[in-house]
Protein backbone atom coordinates (compact mmCIF):
# COMPACT_ATOMS: atom_id res chain seq x y z
CA MET A 1 55.77 109.83 59.93
CA HIS A 2 53.33 111.83 62.63
CA LEU A 3 49.99 112.70 60.71
CA TYR A 4 48.95 114.80 64.05
CA PRO A 5 50.56 115.39 67.66
CA SER A 6 48.38 112.51 68.96
CA CYS A 7 49.16 110.16 66.43
CA SER A 8 52.49 107.77 67.26
CA LYS A 9 54.81 106.38 65.01
CA GLU A 10 53.37 102.33 65.54
CA ALA A 11 50.10 103.74 64.28
CA ALA A 12 51.19 105.53 61.19
CA ALA A 13 53.26 102.37 60.39
CA ASP A 14 49.78 100.02 60.87
CA SER A 15 47.86 102.29 58.32
CA MET A 16 50.57 102.01 55.59
CA VAL A 17 49.87 99.89 52.93
CA TYR A 18 52.30 100.61 49.92
CA SER A 19 54.79 103.08 49.59
CA TYR A 20 56.09 104.39 46.23
CA LYS A 21 59.73 105.38 45.01
CA HIS A 22 59.72 104.46 41.58
CA GLY A 23 57.83 107.33 38.99
CA PHE A 24 56.98 109.44 41.83
CA SER A 25 57.07 109.55 45.71
CA GLY A 26 53.99 108.95 47.79
CA PHE A 27 52.07 106.06 49.73
CA ALA A 28 49.07 104.72 50.04
CA ALA A 29 47.83 104.12 53.76
CA LYS A 30 44.46 103.41 55.48
CA LEU A 31 43.15 107.44 57.01
CA THR A 32 40.09 108.67 58.14
CA GLU A 33 38.83 111.52 56.08
CA SER A 34 40.13 114.35 58.42
CA GLN A 35 43.91 112.51 58.38
CA ALA A 36 43.81 112.70 54.88
CA GLN A 37 42.59 116.25 54.96
CA LYS A 38 45.33 116.92 57.35
CA ILE A 39 47.77 115.53 55.05
CA SER A 40 46.71 117.27 52.17
CA GLU A 41 47.42 120.63 53.65
CA LEU A 42 51.12 119.34 54.46
CA PRO A 43 53.76 121.75 52.78
CA GLY A 44 55.13 119.14 49.94
CA VAL A 45 52.00 117.04 49.22
CA ILE A 46 50.85 117.55 46.08
CA HIS A 47 47.35 115.79 46.02
CA VAL A 48 45.88 113.16 48.29
CA MET A 49 43.10 110.71 46.52
CA PRO A 50 40.69 108.47 47.83
CA ASN A 51 41.25 104.79 46.81
CA ARG A 52 39.11 103.27 44.21
CA PHE A 53 38.96 100.48 41.61
CA HIS A 54 38.43 99.98 37.76
CA SER A 55 36.59 97.78 35.79
CA LEU A 56 38.72 95.26 33.28
CA GLN A 57 38.31 96.50 29.92
CA THR A 58 42.98 88.67 21.11
CA THR A 59 43.85 84.77 15.16
CA ARG A 60 43.42 86.58 12.60
CA THR A 61 43.97 89.92 13.99
CA TRP A 62 47.73 90.01 12.65
CA ASP A 63 47.07 88.80 9.02
CA TYR A 64 44.37 91.30 8.83
CA LEU A 65 46.82 94.11 9.90
CA ASP A 66 49.30 92.98 7.34
CA ILE A 67 51.60 91.38 10.06
CA SER A 68 51.31 87.77 8.64
CA SER A 69 53.97 85.54 10.09
CA HIS A 70 54.05 83.78 6.41
CA SER A 71 55.14 87.39 4.75
CA PRO A 72 58.82 88.10 4.69
CA PHE A 73 58.61 91.86 4.15
CA ASN A 74 56.33 93.36 6.96
CA LEU A 75 57.35 95.03 10.25
CA LEU A 76 57.07 91.66 12.01
CA HIS A 77 60.30 90.42 10.32
CA ASP A 78 62.32 93.77 9.80
CA THR A 79 61.34 93.55 13.61
CA ASN A 80 63.04 90.14 14.24
CA MET A 81 59.41 89.59 15.88
CA GLY A 82 60.02 91.71 18.67
CA ASP A 83 62.90 90.17 19.93
CA GLY A 84 64.32 91.55 23.40
CA ILE A 85 61.34 94.15 24.08
CA ILE A 86 59.71 93.63 27.34
CA ILE A 87 55.95 94.06 27.51
CA GLY A 88 54.30 94.64 30.91
CA LEU A 89 50.77 94.17 31.59
CA LEU A 90 48.72 95.37 34.57
CA ASP A 91 45.66 92.69 34.64
CA THR A 92 44.51 89.27 36.10
CA GLY A 93 47.30 87.48 36.07
CA VAL A 94 48.51 84.79 34.09
CA TRP A 95 48.11 81.09 33.66
CA PRO A 96 51.91 79.94 33.29
CA GLU A 97 50.72 76.14 32.28
CA SER A 98 49.45 77.79 28.66
CA LYS A 99 51.64 76.91 25.63
CA VAL A 100 51.38 80.61 24.74
CA PHE A 101 54.08 80.96 27.70
CA ASN A 102 56.51 78.94 25.96
CA ASP A 103 60.03 80.33 25.35
CA GLU A 104 61.52 77.93 22.46
CA GLY A 105 63.55 79.97 20.19
CA LEU A 106 63.67 83.19 22.43
CA GLY A 107 66.87 84.94 23.19
CA PRO A 108 67.86 85.20 27.04
CA ILE A 109 66.60 87.62 29.45
CA PRO A 110 67.62 91.16 28.91
CA ALA A 111 70.44 92.48 31.02
CA ARG A 112 68.39 95.52 31.74
CA TRP A 113 65.40 93.50 33.64
CA LYS A 114 65.48 93.79 37.25
CA GLY A 115 62.16 92.26 37.76
CA HIS A 116 61.34 88.88 38.98
CA CYS A 117 58.67 86.52 39.48
CA GLU A 118 56.89 85.78 42.98
CA SER A 119 55.63 83.14 44.20
CA GLY A 120 52.58 82.48 45.57
CA GLN A 121 49.30 79.97 45.88
CA LEU A 122 49.76 77.67 42.99
CA PHE A 123 52.18 79.73 41.23
CA ASN A 124 55.78 78.93 41.76
CA GLY A 125 58.16 81.80 40.83
CA THR A 126 60.95 79.99 40.00
CA THR A 127 59.45 77.20 37.61
CA ASP A 128 56.57 78.72 35.73
CA CYS A 129 58.50 81.68 34.90
CA ASN A 130 60.86 81.59 31.82
CA ARG A 131 62.77 83.28 29.44
CA LYS A 132 59.25 84.59 27.85
CA LEU A 133 57.20 84.82 31.08
CA ILE A 134 59.92 86.75 32.95
CA GLY A 135 57.77 88.79 35.47
CA ALA A 136 54.90 87.83 37.55
CA LYS A 137 53.85 89.83 41.00
CA TYR A 138 50.48 90.08 42.59
CA PHE A 139 49.26 93.19 44.78
CA ILE A 140 46.92 92.52 47.46
CA ASP A 141 47.53 94.60 50.23
CA GLY A 142 45.11 97.42 49.33
CA PHE A 143 42.40 95.75 48.58
CA LEU A 144 42.42 93.75 52.31
CA ALA A 145 43.06 97.58 53.60
CA GLU A 146 39.75 98.69 51.67
CA ASN A 147 37.73 95.72 52.97
CA ASN A 148 39.23 94.89 56.49
CA GLN A 149 38.88 91.42 56.21
CA PRO A 150 40.70 88.29 54.38
CA PHE A 151 39.97 87.51 50.65
CA ASN A 152 37.15 85.36 50.39
CA THR A 153 38.23 82.95 47.65
CA THR A 154 35.38 80.61 48.23
CA ASP A 155 32.88 83.33 47.17
CA ASN A 156 35.33 84.93 44.62
CA PRO A 157 37.78 82.41 43.26
CA ASP A 158 41.05 83.87 42.71
CA TYR A 159 44.59 82.86 43.65
CA MET A 160 47.04 84.53 46.35
CA SER A 161 49.41 84.78 43.69
CA PRO A 162 50.10 86.27 40.14
CA LYS A 163 48.18 83.20 38.85
CA ASP A 164 44.97 83.81 36.57
CA SER A 165 41.62 82.39 37.90
CA PHE A 166 39.97 84.53 35.41
CA GLY A 167 41.30 84.32 32.19
CA HIS A 168 41.38 88.13 31.19
CA GLY A 169 45.27 88.59 31.86
CA THR A 170 45.98 85.70 29.98
CA HIS A 171 44.23 86.65 27.05
CA THR A 172 45.72 90.11 26.94
CA SER A 173 48.99 89.06 27.66
CA THR A 174 48.69 86.20 24.41
CA ILE A 175 47.74 89.00 22.22
CA ALA A 176 50.61 91.20 22.84
CA GLY A 177 53.55 88.92 22.99
CA GLY A 178 52.20 85.36 23.00
CA SER A 179 54.69 82.64 21.43
CA PHE A 180 53.34 80.57 18.56
CA VAL A 181 51.09 77.77 19.22
CA ALA A 182 50.14 75.68 16.35
CA ASN A 183 46.03 74.17 15.66
CA ALA A 184 44.89 76.67 18.28
CA SER A 185 40.84 76.84 18.26
CA TYR A 186 37.51 77.68 20.23
CA LYS A 187 35.40 74.19 19.68
CA CYS A 188 37.44 73.98 16.41
CA LEU A 189 36.47 77.56 15.23
CA ALA A 190 38.85 79.87 14.30
CA LEU A 191 41.54 77.16 14.02
CA GLY A 192 44.96 77.85 13.26
CA THR A 193 48.00 79.02 14.79
CA ALA A 194 47.68 81.47 17.55
CA ARG A 195 50.48 84.09 18.21
CA GLY A 196 50.95 87.45 19.70
CA GLY A 197 51.76 90.54 17.83
CA ALA A 198 55.31 90.49 18.79
CA PRO A 199 55.90 86.91 19.77
CA ARG A 200 59.71 86.90 20.56
CA ALA A 201 58.86 89.89 23.08
CA HIS A 202 59.14 89.03 27.13
CA ILE A 203 56.32 89.24 29.34
CA ALA A 204 56.06 90.75 32.75
CA MET A 205 52.55 90.15 34.91
CA TYR A 206 51.54 92.78 37.65
CA LYS A 207 48.28 91.36 38.72
CA PRO A 208 46.59 94.19 41.00
CA TYR A 209 42.70 92.78 39.97
CA MET A 210 41.09 90.44 42.63
CA MET A 211 37.68 89.30 42.65
CA GLU A 212 37.81 89.52 38.79
CA LEU A 213 36.99 92.85 37.86
CA MET A 214 38.41 95.00 40.84
CA CYS A 215 41.47 96.87 40.23
CA TYR A 216 42.71 99.07 42.72
CA HIS A 217 44.32 102.66 42.12
CA CYS A 218 47.27 102.24 44.91
CA HIS A 219 47.76 98.59 43.48
CA SER A 220 47.95 100.10 39.94
CA ALA A 221 50.45 102.81 40.85
CA LEU A 222 52.76 100.87 42.90
CA LYS A 223 54.44 99.32 39.64
CA PHE A 224 53.61 101.70 36.95
CA PRO A 225 56.20 101.60 34.56
CA PHE A 226 53.47 99.93 32.54
CA GLU A 227 50.21 101.40 32.36
CA GLU A 228 47.56 104.66 32.66
CA VAL A 229 46.50 108.81 34.59
CA ASP A 230 43.73 111.55 34.34
CA GLY A 231 43.40 114.71 36.29
CA ARG A 232 43.21 112.97 39.60
CA ASP A 233 42.96 109.50 38.94
CA GLY A 234 46.14 107.10 40.00
CA ILE A 235 46.58 105.66 36.44
CA ALA A 236 46.63 108.63 35.32
CA ILE A 237 49.51 109.63 37.42
CA GLY A 238 51.50 106.40 37.04
CA SER A 239 51.03 106.64 33.74
CA PHE A 240 52.34 109.91 33.26
CA HIS A 241 55.82 109.02 34.97
CA ALA A 242 55.93 106.11 33.13
CA VAL A 243 55.69 108.13 29.86
CA ALA A 244 58.15 110.95 31.24
CA ASN A 245 61.14 107.92 31.68
CA GLY A 246 60.17 106.50 28.08
CA ILE A 247 57.83 103.95 28.39
CA PRO A 248 54.85 103.80 26.21
CA VAL A 249 51.41 103.40 28.12
CA VAL A 250 48.39 101.61 26.05
CA CYS A 251 45.08 101.53 28.00
CA SER A 252 41.63 100.48 26.76
CA ALA A 253 38.89 102.74 26.31
CA ALA A 254 36.27 101.04 28.00
CA ASN A 255 33.18 99.45 26.80
CA ASP A 256 30.30 102.51 27.71
CA GLY A 257 29.75 103.82 24.34
CA PRO A 258 28.29 105.32 22.10
CA ALA A 259 27.08 108.00 24.24
CA ALA A 260 29.31 111.28 24.39
CA HIS A 261 31.75 111.39 27.89
CA THR A 262 32.02 108.03 28.06
CA VAL A 263 36.19 107.33 27.32
CA HIS A 264 38.09 105.97 30.15
CA ASN A 265 41.96 106.59 29.93
CA THR A 266 41.57 109.96 28.38
CA SER A 267 45.22 111.59 29.57
CA PRO A 268 47.07 112.90 26.23
CA TRP A 269 50.26 111.10 27.40
CA ILE A 270 48.07 107.66 27.45
CA ILE A 271 47.52 105.72 24.03
CA THR A 272 44.02 104.93 24.36
CA VAL A 273 42.30 102.08 22.15
CA ALA A 274 39.09 101.38 20.60
CA ALA A 275 37.61 97.90 19.48
CA THR A 276 36.90 97.38 16.17
CA THR A 277 35.82 93.98 14.72
CA LEU A 278 37.87 91.80 11.94
CA ASP A 279 36.93 90.84 8.29
CA ARG A 280 35.87 87.37 10.31
CA SER A 281 32.97 86.36 11.76
CA PHE A 282 30.67 83.53 12.58
CA PRO A 283 27.34 83.45 11.16
CA THR A 284 24.79 81.51 12.64
CA PRO A 285 21.21 81.02 10.61
CA ILE A 286 18.44 80.97 12.83
CA ILE A 287 15.49 79.37 11.10
CA LEU A 288 11.81 80.09 12.46
CA GLY A 289 9.11 77.64 11.96
CA ASN A 290 7.25 80.04 9.23
CA ASN A 291 10.68 79.56 6.91
CA VAL A 292 11.76 82.82 8.06
CA THR A 293 15.83 82.98 8.40
CA ILE A 294 17.41 85.83 11.11
CA LEU A 295 21.29 85.94 10.67
CA GLY A 296 22.78 86.10 13.72
CA GLN A 297 26.70 84.65 14.79
CA ALA A 298 27.31 82.04 17.47
CA TRP A 299 29.95 79.92 18.23
CA TYR A 300 27.95 76.77 18.51
CA ALA A 301 29.71 73.41 17.72
CA GLY A 302 27.54 70.68 18.99
CA LYS A 303 24.97 68.86 17.25
CA ASP A 304 22.12 70.30 15.52
CA ILE A 305 18.69 70.01 17.78
CA GLY A 306 16.30 70.61 15.07
CA PHE A 307 13.25 72.50 15.32
CA THR A 308 12.17 73.62 18.95
CA ARG A 309 10.26 76.06 20.65
CA LEU A 310 11.25 79.85 20.95
CA VAL A 311 10.04 81.38 24.30
CA TYR A 312 10.46 85.19 25.34
CA PRO A 313 9.92 85.21 29.27
CA GLU A 314 7.24 87.80 30.37
CA ASN A 315 5.69 88.67 33.74
CA PRO A 316 2.23 90.01 34.32
CA GLY A 317 2.58 93.59 35.20
CA LEU A 318 3.08 97.09 34.10
CA ARG A 319 6.78 95.85 32.85
CA PRO A 320 6.40 92.30 31.51
CA ALA A 321 9.93 92.54 29.63
CA LEU A 322 11.98 92.47 32.96
CA ALA A 323 11.84 88.93 32.99
CA GLY A 324 13.57 88.57 29.64
CA VAL A 325 16.27 90.57 30.53
CA CYS A 326 19.38 88.07 30.17
CA GLU A 327 21.27 88.84 33.31
CA SER A 328 18.21 88.47 35.56
CA LEU A 329 15.68 86.12 33.49
CA SER A 330 12.38 84.78 35.44
CA PHE A 331 10.49 81.80 34.27
CA ASN A 332 7.52 82.21 37.06
CA HIS A 333 5.16 82.71 34.53
CA THR A 334 6.98 80.97 31.33
CA SER A 335 7.38 77.07 30.73
CA VAL A 336 11.50 76.65 29.16
CA ASP A 337 11.81 73.22 29.27
CA GLY A 338 13.22 71.55 26.25
CA LYS A 339 12.51 75.22 24.54
CA VAL A 340 15.26 78.50 22.96
CA VAL A 341 15.04 80.95 25.15
CA LEU A 342 14.98 85.06 23.66
CA CYS A 343 16.64 87.20 26.02
CA PHE A 344 17.33 90.79 25.62
CA THR A 345 20.49 92.86 27.15
CA THR A 346 22.02 96.17 27.67
CA VAL A 347 25.26 94.81 29.27
CA THR A 348 28.05 94.31 27.23
CA ARG A 349 30.18 92.15 28.79
CA ARG A 350 29.67 88.51 28.78
CA SER A 351 28.25 88.24 32.30
CA ALA A 352 24.97 88.53 30.54
CA VAL A 353 25.63 85.59 28.52
CA THR A 354 26.89 83.78 31.44
CA SER A 355 23.83 84.54 34.00
CA ALA A 356 21.70 83.41 30.85
CA VAL A 357 23.10 80.29 29.94
CA SER A 358 23.06 79.10 33.84
CA ALA A 359 19.36 80.27 34.13
CA VAL A 360 18.18 78.14 31.10
CA ARG A 361 19.78 75.05 31.89
CA ALA A 362 18.72 75.11 35.23
CA ALA A 363 15.23 75.47 34.21
CA GLY A 364 15.67 72.84 31.39
CA GLY A 365 16.02 75.02 28.51
CA VAL A 366 18.23 73.68 25.34
CA GLY A 367 19.55 77.29 24.11
CA VAL A 368 19.80 80.56 24.15
CA ILE A 369 19.76 83.78 22.01
CA VAL A 370 21.35 86.69 23.46
CA ALA A 371 19.86 90.04 21.90
CA LYS A 372 21.04 93.72 22.26
CA ASN A 373 18.57 96.07 22.80
CA PRO A 374 18.32 98.77 19.61
CA GLY A 375 21.07 101.58 20.17
CA ASP A 376 23.37 99.42 22.45
CA VAL A 377 26.50 98.86 21.30
CA MET A 378 29.96 97.65 22.60
CA TRP A 379 32.46 100.21 22.39
CA SER A 380 33.37 104.04 23.36
CA ARG A 381 33.28 107.54 21.59
CA LEU A 382 36.82 108.41 21.74
CA PRO A 383 38.91 111.50 21.54
CA MET A 384 40.84 112.00 18.36
CA ARG A 385 44.12 111.42 19.91
CA CYS A 386 43.14 107.65 20.37
CA VAL A 387 43.37 104.89 17.75
CA ALA A 388 41.44 101.43 17.25
CA ALA A 389 42.50 98.22 16.60
CA PRO A 390 40.91 94.93 16.55
CA GLY A 391 39.10 93.41 19.52
CA VAL A 392 35.97 91.45 18.69
CA SER A 393 35.82 87.76 19.00
CA LEU A 394 39.66 87.66 19.25
CA LEU A 395 41.21 83.92 19.95
CA ALA A 396 43.93 83.95 22.52
CA ALA A 397 44.88 81.51 25.54
CA SER A 398 42.56 81.68 29.05
CA SER A 399 42.79 80.49 32.42
CA ALA A 400 41.20 76.78 32.64
CA LEU A 401 38.52 78.32 35.06
CA ASP A 402 37.34 80.48 32.22
CA PRO A 403 33.75 79.22 31.50
CA PHE A 404 34.19 80.24 27.76
CA MET A 405 37.57 78.12 27.63
CA ASP A 406 37.82 75.45 25.27
CA GLY A 407 41.39 73.21 24.56
CA GLY A 408 43.42 76.11 26.29
CA PHE A 409 41.69 79.26 24.21
CA ALA A 410 38.91 81.51 24.19
CA LEU A 411 37.07 83.50 21.91
CA HIS A 412 36.62 87.37 23.74
CA SER A 413 35.62 90.90 22.89
CA GLY A 414 36.30 93.95 24.38
CA THR A 415 38.64 97.21 24.27
CA SER A 416 40.60 95.35 26.34
CA MET A 417 41.50 92.93 23.49
CA ALA A 418 42.21 95.29 21.31
CA ALA A 419 44.58 97.50 23.71
CA PRO A 420 47.16 94.75 23.79
CA VAL A 421 47.24 94.68 19.61
CA ILE A 422 48.39 98.22 19.86
CA SER A 423 51.28 96.94 22.43
CA GLY A 424 52.09 94.35 20.30
CA ILE A 425 52.79 96.86 17.30
CA ILE A 426 54.49 99.32 19.74
CA ALA A 427 56.95 96.46 20.65
CA PHE A 428 57.76 96.21 16.67
CA LEU A 429 58.33 100.00 16.69
CA LYS A 430 60.81 100.05 19.80
CA VAL A 431 62.85 97.74 17.84
CA LYS A 432 62.80 99.09 14.75
CA HIS A 433 63.23 102.78 16.09
CA PRO A 434 64.52 102.49 19.73
CA ASN A 435 65.20 106.01 20.25
CA TRP A 436 61.50 107.43 19.52
CA SER A 437 59.81 108.57 23.14
CA PRO A 438 56.57 107.68 23.43
CA ALA A 439 55.31 110.90 21.88
CA ALA A 440 56.48 109.79 18.90
CA ILE A 441 55.33 106.24 19.02
CA LYS A 442 52.12 107.70 19.63
CA SER A 443 51.94 110.31 16.81
CA ALA A 444 53.44 107.70 14.49
CA ILE A 445 50.17 105.17 15.14
CA VAL A 446 47.47 107.89 14.86
CA THR A 447 48.60 109.79 11.96
CA THR A 448 49.12 106.74 9.57
CA ALA A 449 46.28 104.48 10.64
CA TRP A 450 43.70 103.21 8.13
CA LYS A 451 40.69 105.63 7.54
CA ILE A 452 38.96 103.01 5.70
CA ASP A 453 39.95 99.23 6.22
CA PRO A 454 42.62 96.99 5.19
CA PHE A 455 40.67 95.78 2.22
CA GLY A 456 39.19 99.53 1.48
CA GLU A 457 35.66 99.00 2.64
CA PRO A 458 34.23 101.85 4.63
CA ILE A 459 34.76 101.59 8.37
CA PHE A 460 31.14 101.71 9.91
CA ALA A 461 30.01 102.61 13.94
CA GLU A 462 27.38 100.54 15.47
CA GLY A 463 24.94 101.41 16.60
CA SER A 464 21.26 102.83 16.03
CA PRO A 465 21.01 103.93 12.92
CA ARG A 466 24.10 102.69 11.83
CA LYS A 467 26.82 105.17 10.40
CA LEU A 468 30.10 106.07 8.65
CA ALA A 469 32.27 105.89 11.57
CA ASP A 470 34.05 109.23 12.45
CA PRO A 471 37.18 110.67 14.49
CA PHE A 472 35.31 110.24 17.47
CA ASP A 473 34.36 106.69 16.78
CA PHE A 474 37.79 105.45 15.72
CA GLY A 475 40.32 108.08 16.55
CA GLY A 476 43.07 108.66 14.50
CA GLY A 477 41.61 105.24 12.43
CA LEU A 478 42.37 101.37 12.54
CA ALA A 479 46.13 100.96 13.17
CA ASN A 480 48.12 100.55 10.31
CA PRO A 481 51.46 98.61 11.94
CA ASN A 482 53.53 98.80 8.35
CA LYS A 483 53.20 102.26 7.89
CA ALA A 484 53.54 103.47 11.03
CA ALA A 485 57.20 102.58 10.86
CA LYS A 486 57.58 105.14 8.32
CA PRO A 487 56.09 108.40 9.35
CA LEU A 488 56.43 111.80 10.07
CA VAL A 489 56.12 112.06 14.09
CA GLY A 490 55.54 114.67 16.36
CA GLN A 491 57.78 115.23 19.25
CA ALA A 492 56.69 116.08 22.97
CA ILE A 493 57.96 119.46 23.63
CA ALA A 494 59.11 121.44 26.57
CA CYS A 495 56.84 123.98 28.29
CA PRO A 496 57.34 127.51 28.18
CA SER A 497 57.87 129.82 31.04
CA THR A 498 54.40 131.67 30.00
CA LYS A 499 51.41 129.65 29.91
CA PRO A 500 50.83 128.27 26.17
CA SER A 501 47.38 127.52 24.53
CA VAL A 502 46.15 124.33 24.95
CA LEU A 503 45.96 123.94 21.13
CA ASP A 504 49.61 124.28 21.03
CA VAL A 505 50.49 121.27 22.57
CA ASN A 506 51.99 119.29 20.02
CA LEU A 507 49.03 116.13 19.72
CA PRO A 508 48.84 114.13 16.55
CA SER A 509 45.15 115.57 15.90
CA ILE A 510 43.41 118.91 16.53
CA THR A 511 40.61 119.71 18.22
CA ILE A 512 38.64 123.02 18.65
CA PRO A 513 35.56 122.56 20.95
CA ASN A 514 34.29 126.36 20.81
CA LEU A 515 35.63 128.08 17.36
CA ARG A 516 34.09 131.55 17.51
CA ASN A 517 35.83 133.92 14.26
CA SER A 518 38.96 131.88 13.84
CA ALA A 519 41.94 130.38 15.76
CA THR A 520 45.36 129.51 15.08
CA LEU A 521 47.50 126.40 16.63
CA THR A 522 51.02 125.38 15.94
CA GLY A 523 52.97 122.26 14.84
CA ARG A 524 56.09 120.63 14.89
CA VAL A 525 57.17 117.81 12.96
CA THR A 526 60.31 115.53 12.78
CA ASN A 527 61.38 114.01 9.66
CA VAL A 528 62.17 110.26 9.94
CA GLY A 529 62.34 109.00 6.67
CA PRO A 530 65.15 110.14 3.75
CA PRO A 531 66.91 113.58 4.87
CA ASN A 532 66.24 115.08 1.72
CA SER A 533 62.58 115.11 1.53
CA THR A 534 59.26 117.51 0.70
CA TYR A 535 56.11 117.02 1.76
CA ARG A 536 53.00 119.32 0.80
CA VAL A 537 49.69 119.33 2.62
CA LEU A 538 46.50 118.46 1.54
CA VAL A 539 43.75 119.97 3.73
CA GLU A 540 39.81 118.32 3.82
CA PRO A 541 38.37 121.29 5.98
CA PRO A 542 35.48 120.24 8.06
CA PHE A 543 32.07 121.58 6.80
CA GLY A 544 31.25 125.41 7.00
CA ILE A 545 35.04 125.77 8.18
CA ALA A 546 37.93 127.01 6.22
CA ILE A 547 41.75 126.36 6.91
CA THR A 548 45.34 127.78 6.29
CA VAL A 549 48.36 126.26 6.73
CA ALA A 550 51.66 128.02 6.50
CA PRO A 551 54.07 127.01 4.93
CA ASP A 552 52.28 124.79 2.81
CA MET A 553 54.89 122.95 1.73
CA LEU A 554 58.09 121.24 4.11
CA PHE A 555 61.44 120.75 3.07
CA PHE A 556 63.53 118.60 5.06
CA HIS A 557 67.23 118.87 4.49
CA SER A 558 70.58 117.18 6.71
CA THR A 559 70.28 120.66 8.98
CA ALA A 560 66.85 120.93 8.99
CA GLN A 561 64.39 117.31 9.98
CA LYS A 562 62.09 119.20 12.69
CA ILE A 563 60.19 121.84 10.98
CA SER A 564 57.00 123.97 12.59
CA PHE A 565 54.10 125.27 10.85
CA GLN A 566 50.78 126.81 11.30
CA VAL A 567 47.20 125.89 11.22
CA THR A 568 44.52 128.95 11.26
CA VAL A 569 41.17 127.62 11.08
CA TYR A 570 38.00 129.85 10.26
CA THR A 571 34.34 129.29 10.85
CA SER A 572 31.77 130.57 8.60
CA HIS A 573 28.96 129.34 10.89
CA GLN A 574 26.44 131.93 12.37
CA VAL A 575 25.10 129.79 14.87
CA ASN A 576 26.48 127.17 17.31
CA THR A 577 26.93 123.92 15.83
CA GLY A 578 28.25 120.56 16.98
CA TYR A 579 31.43 119.05 15.73
CA TYR A 580 32.02 118.55 12.27
CA PHE A 581 34.89 116.58 11.09
CA GLY A 582 37.94 116.94 8.27
CA SER A 583 41.98 116.49 7.95
CA LEU A 584 45.20 117.63 7.42
CA THR A 585 47.51 115.62 6.05
CA TRP A 586 51.33 116.23 4.82
CA THR A 587 52.20 113.60 1.70
CA ASP A 588 55.50 113.22 -0.34
CA GLY A 589 53.46 111.19 -2.61
CA VAL A 590 54.66 107.73 -0.87
CA HIS A 591 54.11 108.47 2.44
CA ASN A 592 50.62 110.10 4.05
CA VAL A 593 50.78 111.66 7.58
CA THR A 594 46.97 112.68 8.31
CA ILE A 595 45.89 114.80 11.46
CA PRO A 596 42.17 114.68 11.91
CA ILE A 597 40.39 117.86 12.93
CA SER A 598 37.29 118.36 14.79
CA ALA A 599 35.95 121.63 14.88
CA ARG A 600 32.64 122.75 16.83
CA THR A 601 31.87 126.53 16.61
CA GLN A 602 30.26 128.20 19.66
CA ILE A 603 29.23 131.48 18.77
CA LEU A 604 27.29 131.81 22.50
CA GLN A 605 28.21 129.72 25.33
CA ASN A 606 25.57 126.70 25.86
CA TYR A 607 25.95 125.72 29.30
CA ALA A 608 23.47 122.49 28.47
CA ASP A 609 25.98 121.40 25.43
CA GLU A 610 25.89 117.74 25.08
CA ASN A 611 27.74 117.80 22.03
């Protein structure tokens, strides 16, 4: 390949990092800006993008979602626990010694599987893999090319292999498809039998992550049959081709909320996942010297140390509170020996806890209370085509090097923990409905989700102030696996020769960001229930919005299993508004398929609008 006349074939070969042929044609290479510019101008080159890195984004979970292994009448048993499905993950690797990767009771590796396990540092591709863990590869060439130096495992402990030092990949793969492990707990908390969503599914791990939180795009695109794409985002591109080849792609929404425009992985072909709590917590009373009790949560399982002094570090000067930030504690003006330290953080990741514990222990303190600043929450604001799943304090396996691990298991939180819950649900749906497309699977999950929790209680969005959750908080709602197996589903449609309205993209949600007078859009649904079925429409319009649906009843029969309908939305507002929320539900009296609606009136274009 000649980049320009003065470039030799040898130089071009030396610059090559990866070559891609599965899903799409392309390559990753070490280039100067001028070389990249010249390549972008060549015929046949669609796009050139710079390499970037991503941040990483768990067993009460499945009982909470009504997928208990003790009940013979649910999706878990209807699908033989996901038998034969392969769940692929792009994450920090696996800890193969974990009991969650035992293959007892699993069937043979599917004949369609063409992958393998790659050996490396402290990872034997032959002996560390089995019928549960059937694939394991790692990719570091992009990292080395980016940094122009060897990988420093002293400053950044990790393995030059698929082995997981951080614990994140082991944790997420456990949630999605880990085998049954009895008497699992973290310091005797959350004690019970741990399992993944689809315990008879097979797992393939692709490790593009090095240095704990770095994931390079060129790694992600290399073996993308299993992950994420967004505009000019390499994750989006790889996931688009995966979905086009019939592979559903699930991504975490990240933990940057609650402000607007903080969601990651928003491409419409991706199933983007927010995190919710479970009906389980670990309440711990904090008793002050004046007998006031404040209820928090803790995973401490040691001995009661009795009453001791509580201190909050402060420095003199204009910003005294800086000394009390958890991730950068300063004790220059505060004695903490034998005391409990209170600190505040705005960081959503566990690094704040790790830093605070390390600093307090080194200074002779006996405990730490980590508090969140008012208004800071962990989860993202979502586009409505997304869905939510449990992701707070999930128990799952982890690496032996994880400082939060005890007895092989850890309790972790984040949208990274919620995403593999959806992957486990998809494994069930792939067994139950092997011919469903990724679009049909996404539609089924989003349109059947709970708007209240499984016990009928309202779902609240954390923050200051606390409020009832809306579709921008939980997307379609909390995933309801059993209902998702029996929906009406939307199907992807071929693009017409003339450019259609974006409102006619057949997604399981309706969002109109600039409604003036009225807007009309077309939806299309497929009946996957009894051939002769009748559904009628129920509309809950957003405030100040009127909605008509034609037809208002859908009559399915043997020769009409796909029906289109039109939705016309009118606004009565005379001024610009924020988003208001409603829904459109098709029901046959038993099954309810709900399409969330959001609409924003814009009489005049507001260029500073942040709604």
